[in-house]
Amino acid sequence: MRKIELAKTGEYIPILGQGLWGIRRSKGLSKGKKFYEEIKSTLRKGIELGMTHLDTAEFYGLGKAEEVLGELIKEYPRDDLFITTKLFPIHFSKNSMKQACDKSLNRLKLDHVDLYLIHWPSKFISIKKEMKVLEDLVKNGKTRYIGVSNFSVKQFKYAQEALKKEELVDNQLHINITYQKHIQESLPYYQKNNLMVTAYSPLAHKGYTKLKGEIREKLESLAKKYNSTIQQIAIAWLINHENIITIPKAFSIKHVIENAKAADIRLSPEDIKLFYEFNSKHLSE
């Protein structure tokens, strides 16, 4: 599995990780423990294939995703995994934010995470206060690195300026081959400043199974050229951009194996540019 440097930290993480969005308590209630055991089996296979960056959030399954991941983490040496979780913007005070981090760590059964993100810009607390909390979390050993998610470049810059000692290393953004807004509007800033962008929903949640039209035709043409699937081309398209990693969700071993193979596909600049014309259309399935 290829790795890239996490901003300017000197630490390298997999270009493909595993996202835990989609884990819901309701599914566990209806399907039983087997549902979560199948997820853990898939995550184990991904780790075996080098996808050791595991991304979750307190919001996913109202904490259930962190609990499931916490059960899995104890099976591995801590340093073998890179764990990211996120703070949901429902907290009204610094103390509430810090307590939320502690609850996440408790569910994960960890004393620290590797990367802690603000999930969305908050309507209840200022970016400046959020950054103060993030710095305190680093200082107190609760997280090694800090970042944000769904921030505009303007918000990211403001957040960075509010920090006194630490630096943001990542912005997690909604980017895929049919939703390219941030490729054109945001990515150049992060590339220029050697910062990382984590693309979430790389397959638009539903895996492009019903995608139609010219963009599907182009994906199928490249899939034939590279002896792959259109989903692998869509993932490869993202990670062939500098400073982008991605965290596809896969709840079956078959899919996680397919995802991992996308890391080996090296698209040409011409292949990548084939899809830029769809940027303004913001296509969806």
C-alpha atoms as a PDB file:
ATOM      1  CA  MET A   1       0.000   0.000   0.000  1.00  0.00           C
ATOM      2  CA  ARG A   2       1.402   3.364  -1.026  1.00  0.00           C
ATOM      3  CA  LYS A   3       1.838   5.967   1.689  1.00  0.00           C
ATOM      4  CA  ILE A   4       2.079   9.747   1.652  1.00  0.00           C
ATOM      5  CA  GLU A   5       3.367  12.218   4.196  1.00  0.00           C
ATOM      6  CA  LEU A   6       0.816  13.672   6.556  1.00  0.00           C
ATOM      7  CA  ALA A   7       1.317  17.372   5.816  1.00  0.00           C
ATOM      8  CA  LYS A   8       4.777  18.347   7.083  1.00  0.00           C
ATOM      9  CA  THR A   9       4.837  15.967  10.056  1.00  0.00           C
ATOM     10  CA  GLY A  10       7.338  13.449   8.719  1.00  0.00           C
ATOM     11  CA  GLU A  11       4.769  10.696   9.307  1.00  0.00           C
ATOM     12  CA  TYR A  12       3.490   8.622   6.402  1.00  0.00           C
ATOM     13  CA  ILE A  13       0.012   7.152   6.238  1.00  0.00           C
ATOM     14  CA  PRO A  14      -1.733   4.913   3.673  1.00  0.00           C
ATOM     15  CA  ILE A  15      -3.135   6.603   0.608  1.00  0.00           C
ATOM     16  CA  LEU A  16      -6.190   4.387   1.097  1.00  0.00           C
ATOM     17  CA  GLY A  17      -7.810   4.010   4.474  1.00  0.00           C
ATOM     18  CA  GLN A  18     -11.110   2.600   5.692  1.00  0.00           C
ATOM     19  CA  GLY A  19     -14.144   4.677   6.613  1.00  0.00           C
ATOM     20  CA  LEU A  20     -16.700   3.547   9.189  1.00  0.00           C
ATOM     21  CA  TRP A  21     -19.551   5.773   8.094  1.00  0.00           C
ATOM     22  CA  GLY A  22     -22.716   3.696   7.788  1.00  0.00           C
ATOM     23  CA  ILE A  23     -22.440   1.725  11.023  1.00  0.00           C
ATOM     24  CA  ARG A  24     -25.816   2.172  12.709  1.00  0.00           C
ATOM     25  CA  ARG A  25     -27.189   0.900  15.996  1.00  0.00           C
ATOM     26  CA  SER A  26     -30.508   0.163  14.321  1.00  0.00           C
ATOM     27  CA  LYS A  27     -28.886  -2.346  11.953  1.00  0.00           C
ATOM     28  CA  GLY A  28     -27.291  -4.124  14.868  1.00  0.00           C
ATOM     29  CA  LEU A  29     -30.658  -4.354  16.595  1.00  0.00           C
ATOM     30  CA  SER A  30     -32.285  -5.863  13.521  1.00  0.00           C
ATOM     31  CA  LYS A  31     -29.423  -8.101  12.356  1.00  0.00           C
ATOM     32  CA  GLY A  32     -27.767  -8.932  15.652  1.00  0.00           C
ATOM     33  CA  LYS A  33     -24.091  -9.213  16.583  1.00  0.00           C
ATOM     34  CA  LYS A  34     -23.315 -10.954  13.292  1.00  0.00           C
ATOM     35  CA  PHE A  35     -23.671  -7.608  11.513  1.00  0.00           C
ATOM     36  CA  TYR A  36     -20.833  -6.050  13.530  1.00  0.00           C
ATOM     37  CA  GLU A  37     -18.681  -9.168  13.342  1.00  0.00           C
ATOM     38  CA  GLU A  38     -18.871  -9.042   9.539  1.00  0.00           C
ATOM     39  CA  ILE A  39     -17.780  -5.404   9.623  1.00  0.00           C
ATOM     40  CA  LYS A  40     -14.822  -6.261  11.843  1.00  0.00           C
ATOM     41  CA  SER A  41     -13.841  -9.100   9.502  1.00  0.00           C
ATOM     42  CA  THR A  42     -13.835  -6.656   6.606  1.00  0.00           C
ATOM     43  CA  LEU A  43     -11.752  -4.138   8.545  1.00  0.00           C
ATOM     44  CA  ARG A  44      -9.254  -6.860   9.451  1.00  0.00           C
ATOM     45  CA  LYS A  45      -8.855  -7.747   5.785  1.00  0.00           C
ATOM     46  CA  GLY A  46      -8.303  -4.098   4.946  1.00  0.00           C
ATOM     47  CA  ILE A  47      -5.637  -3.816   7.627  1.00  0.00           C
ATOM     48  CA  GLU A  48      -3.981  -6.944   6.227  1.00  0.00           C
ATOM     49  CA  LEU A  49      -3.887  -5.208   2.829  1.00  0.00           C
ATOM     50  CA  GLY A  50      -2.227  -2.108   4.304  1.00  0.00           C
ATOM     51  CA  MET A  51      -5.318   0.044   4.826  1.00  0.00           C
ATOM     52  CA  THR A  52      -4.332   0.814   8.401  1.00  0.00           C
ATOM     53  CA  HIS A  53      -5.857   4.298   8.553  1.00  0.00           C
ATOM     54  CA  LEU A  54      -9.267   3.850  10.188  1.00  0.00           C
ATOM     55  CA  ASP A  55     -11.639   6.814  10.155  1.00  0.00           C
ATOM     56  CA  THR A  56     -14.668   7.194  12.403  1.00  0.00           C
ATOM     57  CA  ALA A  57     -16.617   9.883  14.278  1.00  0.00           C
ATOM     58  CA  GLU A  58     -18.732  10.302  17.392  1.00  0.00           C
ATOM     59  CA  PHE A  59     -21.706  10.930  15.090  1.00  0.00           C
ATOM     60  CA  TYR A  60     -21.458   7.611  13.237  1.00  0.00           C
ATOM     61  CA  GLY A  61     -24.098   5.380  14.741  1.00  0.00           C
ATOM     62  CA  LEU A  62     -24.229   7.765  17.705  1.00  0.00           C
ATOM     63  CA  GLY A  63     -20.965   6.327  18.969  1.00  0.00           C
ATOM     64  CA  LYS A  64     -21.526   2.743  17.800  1.00  0.00           C
ATOM     65  CA  ALA A  65     -18.876   2.991  15.066  1.00  0.00           C
ATOM     66  CA  GLU A  66     -16.297   4.002  17.664  1.00  0.00           C
ATOM     67  CA  GLU A  67     -17.374   1.112  19.890  1.00  0.00           C
ATOM     68  CA  VAL A  68     -17.003  -1.413  17.059  1.00  0.00           C
ATOM     69  CA  LEU A  69     -13.612  -0.004  16.138  1.00  0.00           C
ATOM     70  CA  GLY A  70     -12.564  -0.050  19.788  1.00  0.00           C
ATOM     71  CA  GLU A  71     -13.247  -3.795  19.930  1.00  0.00           C
ATOM     72  CA  LEU A  72     -11.068  -4.294  16.862  1.00  0.00           C
ATOM     73  CA  ILE A  73      -8.162  -2.045  17.839  1.00  0.00           C
ATOM     74  CA  LYS A  74      -7.199  -4.155  20.845  1.00  0.00           C
ATOM     75  CA  GLU A  75      -6.240  -6.983  18.462  1.00  0.00           C
ATOM     76  CA  TYR A  76      -3.321  -4.972  17.045  1.00  0.00           C
ATOM     77  CA  PRO A  77      -0.210  -3.212  18.327  1.00  0.00           C
ATOM     78  CA  ARG A  78      -1.279   0.412  18.770  1.00  0.00           C
ATOM     79  CA  ASP A  79       1.456   1.810  16.544  1.00  0.00           C
ATOM     80  CA  ASP A  80       0.336  -0.379  13.640  1.00  0.00           C
ATOM     81  CA  LEU A  81      -2.864   1.643  13.207  1.00  0.00           C
ATOM     82  CA  PHE A  82      -3.617   5.294  12.470  1.00  0.00           C
ATOM     83  CA  ILE A  83      -6.928   6.255  14.079  1.00  0.00           C
ATOM     84  CA  THR A  84      -8.979   9.314  13.164  1.00  0.00           C
ATOM     85  CA  THR A  85     -12.187  10.421  14.820  1.00  0.00           C
ATOM     86  CA  LYS A  86     -14.264  13.576  14.675  1.00  0.00           C
ATOM     87  CA  LEU A  87     -16.121  15.943  17.003  1.00  0.00           C
ATOM     88  CA  PHE A  88     -19.689  16.693  15.932  1.00  0.00           C
ATOM     89  CA  PRO A  89     -20.672  20.392  16.195  1.00  0.00           C
ATOM     90  CA  ILE A  90     -23.382  20.049  18.850  1.00  0.00           C
ATOM     91  CA  HIS A  91     -21.257  21.152  21.780  1.00  0.00           C
ATOM     92  CA  PHE A  92     -21.800  24.557  23.333  1.00  0.00           C
ATOM     93  CA  SER A  93     -18.689  24.920  25.493  1.00  0.00           C
ATOM     94  CA  LYS A  94     -15.022  24.029  25.721  1.00  0.00           C
ATOM     95  CA  ASN A  95     -15.740  21.599  28.556  1.00  0.00           C
ATOM     96  CA  SER A  96     -18.422  19.859  26.525  1.00  0.00           C
ATOM     97  CA  MET A  97     -16.032  19.475  23.603  1.00  0.00           C
ATOM     98  CA  LYS A  98     -13.309  18.019  25.812  1.00  0.00           C
ATOM     99  CA  GLN A  99     -15.801  15.645  27.426  1.00  0.00           C
ATOM    100  CA  ALA A 100     -16.889  14.517  23.952  1.00  0.00           C
ATOM    101  CA  CYS A 101     -13.281  13.676  23.121  1.00  0.00           C
ATOM    102  CA  ASP A 102     -12.961  11.690  26.344  1.00  0.00           C
ATOM    103  CA  LYS A 103     -16.136   9.765  25.506  1.00  0.00           C
ATOM    104  CA  SER A 104     -14.783   8.978  22.043  1.00  0.00           C
ATOM    105  CA  LEU A 105     -11.536   7.710  23.554  1.00  0.00           C
ATOM    106  CA  ASN A 106     -13.502   5.604  26.024  1.00  0.00           C
ATOM    107  CA  ARG A 107     -15.530   4.010  23.217  1.00  0.00           C
ATOM    108  CA  LEU A 108     -12.348   3.425  21.234  1.00  0.00           C
ATOM    109  CA  LYS A 109     -10.618   2.037  24.331  1.00  0.00           C
ATOM    110  CA  LEU A 110      -7.631   4.316  23.659  1.00  0.00           C
ATOM    111  CA  ASP A 111      -5.752   6.944  25.592  1.00  0.00           C
ATOM    112  CA  HIS A 112      -5.227   8.967  22.410  1.00  0.00           C
ATOM    113  CA  VAL A 113      -6.127   9.096  18.738  1.00  0.00           C
ATOM    114  CA  ASP A 114      -3.732   9.962  15.953  1.00  0.00           C
ATOM    115  CA  LEU A 115      -5.901  12.618  14.311  1.00  0.00           C
ATOM    116  CA  TYR A 116      -8.835  14.512  15.795  1.00  0.00           C
ATOM    117  CA  LEU A 117     -11.051  16.611  13.539  1.00  0.00           C
ATOM    118  CA  ILE A 118     -13.809  19.152  13.927  1.00  0.00           C
ATOM    119  CA  HIS A 119     -16.507  17.383  11.870  1.00  0.00           C
ATOM    120  CA  TRP A 120     -18.336  20.472  10.593  1.00  0.00           C
ATOM    121  CA  PRO A 121     -18.060  24.218  11.239  1.00  0.00           C
ATOM    122  CA  SER A 122     -20.124  24.919  14.349  1.00  0.00           C
ATOM    123  CA  LYS A 123     -23.009  27.370  14.664  1.00  0.00           C
ATOM    124  CA  PHE A 124     -22.702  27.333  18.444  1.00  0.00           C
ATOM    125  CA  ILE A 125     -19.041  27.952  19.211  1.00  0.00           C
ATOM    126  CA  SER A 126     -16.436  30.050  17.434  1.00  0.00           C
ATOM    127  CA  ILE A 127     -13.616  28.563  15.363  1.00  0.00           C
ATOM    128  CA  LYS A 128     -11.181  30.335  17.692  1.00  0.00           C
ATOM    129  CA  LYS A 129     -12.577  28.494  20.730  1.00  0.00           C
ATOM    130  CA  GLU A 130     -12.566  25.210  18.842  1.00  0.00           C
ATOM    131  CA  MET A 131      -8.897  25.637  18.000  1.00  0.00           C
ATOM    132  CA  LYS A 132      -8.089  26.380  21.636  1.00  0.00           C
ATOM    133  CA  VAL A 133      -9.715  23.074  22.580  1.00  0.00           C
ATOM    134  CA  LEU A 134      -7.808  21.194  19.881  1.00  0.00           C
ATOM    135  CA  GLU A 135      -4.517  22.616  21.119  1.00  0.00           C
ATOM    136  CA  ASP A 136      -5.394  21.620  24.673  1.00  0.00           C
ATOM    137  CA  LEU A 137      -6.140  18.078  23.481  1.00  0.00           C
ATOM    138  CA  VAL A 138      -2.710  17.843  21.867  1.00  0.00           C
ATOM    139  CA  LYS A 139      -1.077  19.290  24.966  1.00  0.00           C
ATOM    140  CA  ASN A 140      -2.864  16.758  27.187  1.00  0.00           C
ATOM    141  CA  GLY A 141      -1.909  13.824  24.985  1.00  0.00           C
ATOM    142  CA  LYS A 142      -5.436  13.064  23.748  1.00  0.00           C
ATOM    143  CA  THR A 143      -4.492  13.391  20.066  1.00  0.00           C
ATOM    144  CA  ARG A 144      -1.241  13.554  18.137  1.00  0.00           C
ATOM    145  CA  TYR A 145      -2.490  15.711  15.260  1.00  0.00           C
ATOM    146  CA  ILE A 146      -5.460  17.967  14.606  1.00  0.00           C
ATOM    147  CA  GLY A 147      -7.518  18.977  11.616  1.00  0.00           C
ATOM    148  CA  VAL A 148     -10.972  19.895  10.378  1.00  0.00           C
ATOM    149  CA  SER A 149     -13.654  18.548   8.085  1.00  0.00           C
ATOM    150  CA  ASN A 150     -16.006  20.338   5.685  1.00  0.00           C
ATOM    151  CA  PHE A 151     -14.264  23.691   6.202  1.00  0.00           C
ATOM    152  CA  SER A 152     -13.938  26.155   3.345  1.00  0.00           C
ATOM    153  CA  VAL A 153     -10.444  27.426   2.544  1.00  0.00           C
ATOM    154  CA  LYS A 154     -11.376  30.710   4.219  1.00  0.00           C
ATOM    155  CA  GLN A 155     -12.488  28.896   7.376  1.00  0.00           C
ATOM    156  CA  PHE A 156      -9.389  26.696   7.296  1.00  0.00           C
ATOM    157  CA  LYS A 157      -7.108  29.747   7.079  1.00  0.00           C
ATOM    158  CA  TYR A 158      -8.923  31.435   9.937  1.00  0.00           C
ATOM    159  CA  ALA A 159      -8.651  28.282  12.049  1.00  0.00           C
ATOM    160  CA  GLN A 160      -4.936  27.996  11.346  1.00  0.00           C
ATOM    161  CA  GLU A 161      -4.359  31.628  12.289  1.00  0.00           C
ATOM    162  CA  ALA A 162      -6.205  31.043  15.578  1.00  0.00           C
ATOM    163  CA  LEU A 163      -3.744  28.342  16.631  1.00  0.00           C
ATOM    164  CA  LYS A 164      -0.796  29.380  18.764  1.00  0.00           C
ATOM    165  CA  LYS A 165       1.474  26.324  18.744  1.00  0.00           C
ATOM    166  CA  GLU A 166      -0.061  23.554  16.684  1.00  0.00           C
ATOM    167  CA  GLU A 167      -0.859  23.325  12.982  1.00  0.00           C
ATOM    168  CA  LEU A 168      -3.807  21.813  11.172  1.00  0.00           C
ATOM    169  CA  VAL A 169      -2.668  18.912   9.001  1.00  0.00           C
ATOM    170  CA  ASP A 170      -5.852  17.842   7.224  1.00  0.00           C
ATOM    171  CA  ASN A 171      -9.214  18.923   5.883  1.00  0.00           C
ATOM    172  CA  GLN A 172     -11.644  16.089   5.220  1.00  0.00           C
ATOM    173  CA  LEU A 173     -13.887  17.007   2.287  1.00  0.00           C
ATOM    174  CA  HIS A 174     -16.634  15.516   0.143  1.00  0.00           C
ATOM    175  CA  ILE A 175     -14.861  14.772  -3.132  1.00  0.00           C
ATOM    176  CA  ASN A 176     -15.423  12.169  -5.800  1.00  0.00           C
ATOM    177  CA  ILE A 177     -15.377  11.893  -9.553  1.00  0.00           C
ATOM    178  CA  THR A 178     -18.966  13.136  -9.806  1.00  0.00           C
ATOM    179  CA  TYR A 179     -18.594  15.889  -7.195  1.00  0.00           C
ATOM    180  CA  GLN A 180     -15.425  17.804  -7.964  1.00  0.00           C
ATOM    181  CA  LYS A 181     -16.120  21.198  -6.422  1.00  0.00           C
ATOM    182  CA  HIS A 182     -13.200  21.018  -4.005  1.00  0.00           C
ATOM    183  CA  ILE A 183     -10.780  19.710  -6.637  1.00  0.00           C
ATOM    184  CA  GLN A 184     -10.953  23.033  -8.430  1.00  0.00           C
ATOM    185  CA  GLU A 185     -11.798  25.407  -5.575  1.00  0.00           C
ATOM    186  CA  SER A 186      -9.824  24.066  -2.615  1.00  0.00           C
ATOM    187  CA  LEU A 187      -7.177  21.498  -3.552  1.00  0.00           C
ATOM    188  CA  PRO A 188      -4.672  23.983  -5.059  1.00  0.00           C
ATOM    189  CA  TYR A 189      -4.392  25.739  -1.672  1.00  0.00           C
ATOM    190  CA  TYR A 190      -3.652  22.503   0.194  1.00  0.00           C
ATOM    191  CA  GLN A 191      -1.171  21.366  -2.435  1.00  0.00           C
ATOM    192  CA  LYS A 192       0.658  24.690  -2.326  1.00  0.00           C
ATOM    193  CA  ASN A 193       0.936  24.526   1.461  1.00  0.00           C
ATOM    194  CA  ASN A 194       1.728  20.781   1.621  1.00  0.00           C
ATOM    195  CA  LEU A 195      -1.405  19.932   3.583  1.00  0.00           C
ATOM    196  CA  MET A 196      -3.452  16.782   3.312  1.00  0.00           C
ATOM    197  CA  VAL A 197      -6.985  16.462   2.011  1.00  0.00           C
ATOM    198  CA  THR A 198      -8.973  13.366   2.948  1.00  0.00           C
ATOM    199  CA  ALA A 199     -11.685  12.701   0.375  1.00  0.00           C
ATOM    200  CA  TYR A 200     -14.767  11.086   1.846  1.00  0.00           C
ATOM    201  CA  SER A 201     -17.587   9.383  -0.085  1.00  0.00           C
ATOM    202  CA  PRO A 202     -15.166   8.476  -2.913  1.00  0.00           C
ATOM    203  CA  LEU A 203     -17.838   6.295  -4.517  1.00  0.00           C
ATOM    204  CA  ALA A 204     -20.809   8.565  -3.720  1.00  0.00           C
ATOM    205  CA  HIS A 205     -22.175   6.174  -1.058  1.00  0.00           C
ATOM    206  CA  LYS A 206     -23.825   3.805  -3.540  1.00  0.00           C
ATOM    207  CA  GLY A 207     -20.759   2.735  -5.482  1.00  0.00           C
ATOM    208  CA  TYR A 208     -21.792   4.160  -8.854  1.00  0.00           C
ATOM    209  CA  THR A 209     -23.820   1.054  -9.571  1.00  0.00           C
ATOM    210  CA  LYS A 210     -26.518   3.128 -11.306  1.00  0.00           C
ATOM    211  CA  LEU A 211     -24.305   5.775 -12.869  1.00  0.00           C
ATOM    212  CA  LYS A 212     -25.232   6.530 -16.468  1.00  0.00           C
ATOM    213  CA  GLY A 213     -24.198   8.709 -19.363  1.00  0.00           C
ATOM    214  CA  GLU A 214     -20.897   9.954 -20.721  1.00  0.00           C
ATOM    215  CA  ILE A 215     -19.040   9.861 -17.424  1.00  0.00           C
ATOM    216  CA  ARG A 216     -19.842   6.161 -17.016  1.00  0.00           C
ATOM    217  CA  GLU A 217     -18.694   5.524 -20.574  1.00  0.00           C
ATOM    218  CA  LYS A 218     -15.357   7.170 -19.812  1.00  0.00           C
ATOM    219  CA  LEU A 219     -14.998   5.207 -16.588  1.00  0.00           C
ATOM    220  CA  GLU A 220     -15.713   1.979 -18.439  1.00  0.00           C
ATOM    221  CA  SER A 221     -13.158   2.883 -21.118  1.00  0.00           C
ATOM    222  CA  LEU A 222     -10.440   3.403 -18.501  1.00  0.00           C
ATOM    223  CA  ALA A 223     -11.533   0.299 -16.590  1.00  0.00           C
ATOM    224  CA  LYS A 224     -10.909  -1.706 -19.742  1.00  0.00           C
ATOM    225  CA  LYS A 225      -7.565   0.029 -20.307  1.00  0.00           C
ATOM    226  CA  TYR A 226      -6.344  -0.720 -16.781  1.00  0.00           C
ATOM    227  CA  ASN A 227      -8.096  -4.103 -16.403  1.00  0.00           C
ATOM    228  CA  SER A 228     -10.117  -2.872 -13.442  1.00  0.00           C
ATOM    229  CA  THR A 229     -13.626  -1.877 -12.374  1.00  0.00           C
ATOM    230  CA  ILE A 230     -15.187   1.565 -12.726  1.00  0.00           C
ATOM    231  CA  GLN A 231     -15.139   1.834  -8.924  1.00  0.00           C
ATOM    232  CA  GLN A 232     -11.383   1.219  -8.840  1.00  0.00           C
ATOM    233  CA  ILE A 233     -10.882   3.881 -11.512  1.00  0.00           C
ATOM    234  CA  ALA A 234     -12.992   6.339  -9.503  1.00  0.00           C
ATOM    235  CA  ILE A 235     -10.863   5.728  -6.392  1.00  0.00           C
ATOM    236  CA  ALA A 236      -7.624   5.820  -8.373  1.00  0.00           C
ATOM    237  CA  TRP A 237      -8.700   9.114  -9.951  1.00  0.00           C
ATOM    238  CA  LEU A 238      -8.795  10.692  -6.494  1.00  0.00           C
ATOM    239  CA  ILE A 239      -5.502   9.358  -5.157  1.00  0.00           C
ATOM    240  CA  ASN A 240      -3.636  10.185  -8.338  1.00  0.00           C
ATOM    241  CA  HIS A 241      -4.015  13.828  -7.321  1.00  0.00           C
ATOM    242  CA  GLU A 242      -1.226  15.115  -5.114  1.00  0.00           C
ATOM    243  CA  ASN A 243      -2.052  15.571  -1.414  1.00  0.00           C
ATOM    244  CA  ILE A 244      -5.257  13.514  -1.535  1.00  0.00           C
ATOM    245  CA  ILE A 245      -5.977  10.337   0.389  1.00  0.00           C
ATOM    246  CA  THR A 246      -9.359   8.669   0.646  1.00  0.00           C
ATOM    247  CA  ILE A 247     -11.298   6.461   3.054  1.00  0.00           C
ATOM    248  CA  PRO A 248     -13.756   4.245   1.159  1.00  0.00           C
ATOM    249  CA  LYS A 249     -16.334   2.341   3.160  1.00  0.00           C
ATOM    250  CA  ALA A 250     -16.518  -1.390   2.541  1.00  0.00           C
ATOM    251  CA  PHE A 251     -18.588  -3.769   4.615  1.00  0.00           C
ATOM    252  CA  SER A 252     -17.682  -6.881   2.639  1.00  0.00           C
ATOM    253  CA  ILE A 253     -14.307  -8.561   2.169  1.00  0.00           C
ATOM    254  CA  LYS A 254     -14.838  -8.642  -1.604  1.00  0.00           C
ATOM    255  CA  HIS A 255     -15.234  -4.869  -1.751  1.00  0.00           C
ATOM    256  CA  VAL A 256     -12.308  -4.077   0.534  1.00  0.00           C
ATOM    257  CA  ILE A 257     -10.018  -6.223  -1.644  1.00  0.00           C
ATOM    258  CA  GLU A 258     -11.260  -4.397  -4.734  1.00  0.00           C
ATOM    259  CA  ASN A 259     -10.717  -1.026  -3.067  1.00  0.00           C
ATOM    260  CA  ALA A 260      -7.154  -1.881  -2.063  1.00  0.00           C
ATOM    261  CA  LYS A 261      -6.232  -2.778  -5.644  1.00  0.00           C
ATOM    262  CA  ALA A 262      -7.086   0.772  -6.725  1.00  0.00           C
ATOM    263  CA  ALA A 263      -3.914   1.987  -5.002  1.00  0.00           C
ATOM    264  CA  ASP A 264      -1.832   0.264  -7.687  1.00  0.00           C
ATOM    265  CA  ILE A 265      -3.496   2.059 -10.607  1.00  0.00           C
ATOM    266  CA  ARG A 266      -1.401   4.922 -11.947  1.00  0.00           C
ATOM    267  CA  LEU A 267      -3.550   7.092 -14.186  1.00  0.00           C
ATOM    268  CA  SER A 268      -1.892   9.383 -16.717  1.00  0.00           C
ATOM    269  CA  PRO A 269      -2.461  13.160 -16.511  1.00  0.00           C
ATOM    270  CA  GLU A 270      -4.586  12.819 -19.635  1.00  0.00           C
ATOM    271  CA  ASP A 271      -6.742  10.171 -17.970  1.00  0.00           C
ATOM    272  CA  ILE A 272      -7.299  12.430 -14.964  1.00  0.00           C
ATOM    273  CA  LYS A 273      -8.219  15.425 -17.101  1.00  0.00           C
ATOM    274  CA  LEU A 274     -10.856  13.385 -18.934  1.00  0.00           C
ATOM    275  CA  PHE A 275     -13.249  14.013 -16.066  1.00  0.00           C
ATOM    276  CA  TYR A 276     -12.622  17.681 -15.296  1.00  0.00           C
ATOM    277  CA  GLU A 277     -15.300  18.795 -17.739  1.00  0.00           C
ATOM    278  CA  PHE A 278     -17.907  17.316 -15.413  1.00  0.00           C
ATOM    279  CA  ASN A 279     -16.853  19.602 -12.551  1.00  0.00           C
ATOM    280  CA  SER A 280     -19.467  22.302 -13.061  1.00  0.00           C
ATOM    281  CA  LYS A 281     -22.292  19.793 -13.429  1.00  0.00           C
ATOM    282  CA  HIS A 282     -21.892  18.322  -9.907  1.00  0.00           C
ATOM    283  CA  LEU A 283     -23.244  15.010 -11.115  1.00  0.00           C
ATOM    284  CA  SER A 284     -24.721  12.390  -8.847  1.00  0.00           C
ATOM    285  CA  GLU A 285     -25.917   8.843  -9.289  1.00  0.00           C
END
